[in-house]
Amino acid sequence: MRTHVCEHRGYEIAVQPQQNAYGAWQAKVSVRHVDSPVAEFRPQTIQPEWLTQEEAVRDGIEWGTRFVDRKLEESHHLM
């Protein structure tokens, strides 16, 4: 499957849609700072299942942007 990449607030969000054994779509998501080779992955916990690949990609991007926003808000509070 094609990996979809977008940038949000200096972070790169990569979303790879995958179909499970039941035919539902889920998003494999990784987030990394554009200056860092290290990525943080979406935990493999219970994830929403989608009827289409496009819905899974949208969900992955939304999850990634919320993750980045929380990470930046937490680091701002530590200063």
N, C-alpha and C. Protein backbone atom coordinates (compact mmCIF):
# COMPACT_ATOMS: atom_id res chain seq x y z
N MET A 1 0.83 -1.18 0.00
CA MET A 1 0.00 0.00 0.00
C MET A 1 0.87 1.25 0.00
N ARG A 2 0.37 2.26 -0.60
CA ARG A 2 1.07 3.54 -0.69
C ARG A 2 1.08 4.23 0.68
N THR A 3 2.23 4.79 1.05
CA THR A 3 2.34 5.55 2.29
C THR A 3 2.01 7.01 1.99
N HIS A 4 1.15 7.59 2.80
CA HIS A 4 0.74 8.99 2.67
C HIS A 4 1.51 9.79 3.71
N VAL A 5 2.14 10.88 3.27
CA VAL A 5 2.98 11.68 4.17
C VAL A 5 2.48 13.12 4.15
N CYS A 6 2.38 13.70 5.35
CA CYS A 6 2.06 15.13 5.44
C CYS A 6 2.93 15.73 6.55
N GLU A 7 3.09 17.03 6.52
CA GLU A 7 3.88 17.72 7.52
C GLU A 7 2.95 18.59 8.36
N HIS A 8 3.21 18.59 9.67
CA HIS A 8 2.38 19.37 10.60
C HIS A 8 3.28 19.92 11.69
N ARG A 9 3.44 21.23 11.72
CA ARG A 9 4.18 21.93 12.77
C ARG A 9 5.60 21.39 12.94
N GLY A 10 6.27 21.12 11.83
CA GLY A 10 7.65 20.65 11.87
C GLY A 10 7.80 19.15 12.06
N TYR A 11 6.71 18.42 12.03
CA TYR A 11 6.74 16.96 12.16
C TYR A 11 6.21 16.33 10.88
N GLU A 12 6.76 15.18 10.56
CA GLU A 12 6.31 14.42 9.40
C GLU A 12 5.42 13.29 9.90
N ILE A 13 4.22 13.22 9.36
CA ILE A 13 3.27 12.17 9.71
C ILE A 13 3.16 11.24 8.50
N ALA A 14 3.50 9.96 8.70
CA ALA A 14 3.42 8.98 7.63
C ALA A 14 2.32 7.98 7.97
N VAL A 15 1.40 7.79 7.04
CA VAL A 15 0.26 6.91 7.25
C VAL A 15 0.26 5.84 6.16
N GLN A 16 0.24 4.59 6.60
CA GLN A 16 0.16 3.48 5.65
C GLN A 16 -1.11 2.69 5.94
N PRO A 17 -2.08 2.75 5.03
CA PRO A 17 -3.31 1.98 5.25
C PRO A 17 -3.05 0.49 5.06
N GLN A 18 -3.69 -0.31 5.91
CA GLN A 18 -3.54 -1.76 5.82
C GLN A 18 -4.90 -2.41 6.00
N GLN A 19 -5.14 -3.46 5.25
CA GLN A 19 -6.39 -4.19 5.36
C GLN A 19 -6.18 -5.38 6.29
N ASN A 20 -7.10 -5.56 7.24
CA ASN A 20 -6.96 -6.69 8.16
C ASN A 20 -7.58 -7.95 7.56
N ALA A 21 -7.55 -9.02 8.32
CA ALA A 21 -8.04 -10.32 7.84
C ALA A 21 -9.52 -10.31 7.51
N TYR A 22 -10.26 -9.34 8.05
CA TYR A 22 -11.70 -9.25 7.81
C TYR A 22 -12.07 -8.28 6.70
N GLY A 23 -11.05 -7.68 6.06
CA GLY A 23 -11.29 -6.75 4.96
C GLY A 23 -11.46 -5.31 5.38
N ALA A 24 -11.40 -5.02 6.69
CA ALA A 24 -11.51 -3.64 7.17
C ALA A 24 -10.15 -2.96 7.05
N TRP A 25 -10.19 -1.64 6.93
CA TRP A 25 -8.96 -0.85 6.79
C TRP A 25 -8.58 -0.22 8.12
N GLN A 26 -7.28 -0.22 8.40
CA GLN A 26 -6.71 0.44 9.57
C GLN A 26 -5.49 1.23 9.11
N ALA A 27 -5.07 2.17 9.95
CA ALA A 27 -3.93 3.02 9.59
C ALA A 27 -2.73 2.73 10.47
N LYS A 28 -1.60 2.45 9.85
CA LYS A 28 -0.33 2.34 10.56
C LYS A 28 0.30 3.73 10.48
N VAL A 29 0.57 4.34 11.63
CA VAL A 29 1.00 5.74 11.66
C VAL A 29 2.36 5.85 12.34
N SER A 30 3.25 6.67 11.75
CA SER A 30 4.50 7.03 12.42
C SER A 30 4.65 8.54 12.34
N VAL A 31 5.24 9.09 13.40
CA VAL A 31 5.44 10.53 13.50
C VAL A 31 6.89 10.77 13.84
N ARG A 32 7.53 11.69 13.12
CA ARG A 32 8.91 12.03 13.45
C ARG A 32 9.14 13.50 13.19
N HIS A 33 10.07 14.07 13.96
CA HIS A 33 10.45 15.46 13.72
C HIS A 33 11.26 15.47 12.44
N VAL A 34 11.08 16.46 11.60
CA VAL A 34 11.73 16.48 10.30
C VAL A 34 13.25 16.45 10.40
N ASP A 35 13.81 16.86 11.55
CA ASP A 35 15.27 16.86 11.72
C ASP A 35 15.77 15.59 12.41
N SER A 36 14.89 14.66 12.72
CA SER A 36 15.28 13.47 13.47
C SER A 36 15.02 12.21 12.68
N PRO A 37 15.95 11.27 12.68
CA PRO A 37 15.71 10.00 11.99
C PRO A 37 14.83 9.05 12.79
N VAL A 38 14.57 9.37 14.06
CA VAL A 38 13.80 8.49 14.93
C VAL A 38 12.31 8.80 14.81
N ALA A 39 11.51 7.77 14.68
CA ALA A 39 10.06 7.94 14.56
C ALA A 39 9.37 7.32 15.76
N GLU A 40 8.21 7.87 16.10
CA GLU A 40 7.34 7.31 17.13
C GLU A 40 6.14 6.72 16.41
N PHE A 41 5.78 5.50 16.77
CA PHE A 41 4.70 4.82 16.08
C PHE A 41 3.43 4.80 16.90
N ARG A 42 2.33 4.80 16.20
CA ARG A 42 1.02 4.67 16.86
C ARG A 42 0.99 3.30 17.53
N PRO A 43 0.64 3.27 18.80
CA PRO A 43 0.61 1.97 19.49
C PRO A 43 -0.36 1.01 18.83
N GLN A 44 -0.02 -0.25 18.84
CA GLN A 44 -0.87 -1.27 18.22
C GLN A 44 -1.94 -1.73 19.21
N THR A 45 -2.73 -0.80 19.66
CA THR A 45 -3.86 -1.11 20.52
C THR A 45 -5.10 -1.23 19.64
N ILE A 46 -6.24 -1.28 20.25
CA ILE A 46 -7.47 -1.36 19.45
C ILE A 46 -7.60 -0.08 18.64
N GLN A 47 -7.74 -0.24 17.35
CA GLN A 47 -7.86 0.91 16.45
C GLN A 47 -9.20 0.83 15.73
N PRO A 48 -9.68 1.98 15.30
CA PRO A 48 -10.91 1.96 14.51
C PRO A 48 -10.70 1.19 13.21
N GLU A 49 -11.75 0.57 12.75
CA GLU A 49 -11.71 -0.10 11.45
C GLU A 49 -12.59 0.68 10.50
N TRP A 50 -12.13 0.84 9.27
CA TRP A 50 -12.83 1.66 8.29
C TRP A 50 -13.22 0.82 7.09
N LEU A 51 -14.27 1.26 6.41
CA LEU A 51 -14.73 0.55 5.21
C LEU A 51 -13.85 0.82 4.00
N THR A 52 -13.20 2.00 4.00
CA THR A 52 -12.38 2.36 2.83
C THR A 52 -10.96 2.74 3.25
N GLN A 53 -10.08 2.62 2.31
CA GLN A 53 -8.68 3.00 2.51
C GLN A 53 -8.58 4.50 2.81
N GLU A 54 -9.37 5.32 2.14
CA GLU A 54 -9.35 6.76 2.32
C GLU A 54 -9.72 7.16 3.75
N GLU A 55 -10.72 6.45 4.32
CA GLU A 55 -11.12 6.74 5.70
C GLU A 55 -9.99 6.41 6.67
N ALA A 56 -9.28 5.31 6.43
CA ALA A 56 -8.17 4.92 7.29
C ALA A 56 -7.05 5.95 7.22
N VAL A 57 -6.77 6.46 6.02
CA VAL A 57 -5.73 7.47 5.86
C VAL A 57 -6.13 8.75 6.60
N ARG A 58 -7.37 9.18 6.44
CA ARG A 58 -7.86 10.38 7.13
C ARG A 58 -7.73 10.22 8.64
N ASP A 59 -8.13 9.06 9.16
CA ASP A 59 -8.02 8.79 10.59
C ASP A 59 -6.56 8.85 11.04
N GLY A 60 -5.67 8.26 10.28
CA GLY A 60 -4.25 8.27 10.64
C GLY A 60 -3.67 9.67 10.68
N ILE A 61 -4.03 10.50 9.71
CA ILE A 61 -3.54 11.88 9.68
C ILE A 61 -4.11 12.66 10.85
N GLU A 62 -5.40 12.48 11.14
CA GLU A 62 -6.00 13.17 12.28
C GLU A 62 -5.34 12.74 13.58
N TRP A 63 -5.09 11.44 13.75
CA TRP A 63 -4.43 10.95 14.95
C TRP A 63 -3.03 11.56 15.07
N GLY A 64 -2.29 11.59 13.94
CA GLY A 64 -0.94 12.14 13.95
C GLY A 64 -0.90 13.62 14.31
N THR A 65 -1.83 14.40 13.79
CA THR A 65 -1.83 15.84 14.10
C THR A 65 -2.18 16.08 15.57
N ARG A 66 -3.13 15.30 16.11
CA ARG A 66 -3.45 15.43 17.54
C ARG A 66 -2.25 15.03 18.40
N PHE A 67 -1.54 13.98 18.00
CA PHE A 67 -0.35 13.53 18.73
C PHE A 67 0.70 14.64 18.76
N VAL A 68 0.97 15.26 17.61
CA VAL A 68 1.95 16.35 17.53
C VAL A 68 1.50 17.53 18.40
N ASP A 69 0.25 17.91 18.28
CA ASP A 69 -0.25 19.05 19.07
C ASP A 69 -0.08 18.79 20.57
N ARG A 70 -0.42 17.58 21.03
CA ARG A 70 -0.24 17.24 22.45
C ARG A 70 1.23 17.26 22.84
N LYS A 71 2.08 16.73 22.00
CA LYS A 71 3.52 16.67 22.29
C LYS A 71 4.07 18.09 22.41
N LEU A 72 3.70 18.99 21.52
CA LEU A 72 4.19 20.36 21.57
C LEU A 72 3.61 21.10 22.77
N GLU A 73 2.35 20.85 23.10
CA GLU A 73 1.74 21.49 24.26
C GLU A 73 2.43 21.03 25.54
N GLU A 74 2.73 19.75 25.64
CA GLU A 74 3.44 19.23 26.82
C GLU A 74 4.82 19.85 26.96
N SER A 75 5.55 19.96 25.85
CA SER A 75 6.91 20.52 25.91
C SER A 75 6.84 22.01 26.23
N HIS A 76 5.79 22.69 25.82
CA HIS A 76 5.63 24.11 26.13
C HIS A 76 5.41 24.31 27.63
N HIS A 77 4.65 23.41 28.25
CA HIS A 77 4.38 23.51 29.69
C HIS A 77 5.62 23.19 30.53
N LEU A 78 6.55 22.42 29.98
CA LEU A 78 7.76 22.07 30.72
C LEU A 78 8.76 23.21 30.77
N MET A 79 8.60 24.20 29.91
CA MET A 79 9.55 25.32 29.86
C MET A 79 9.30 26.31 30.95
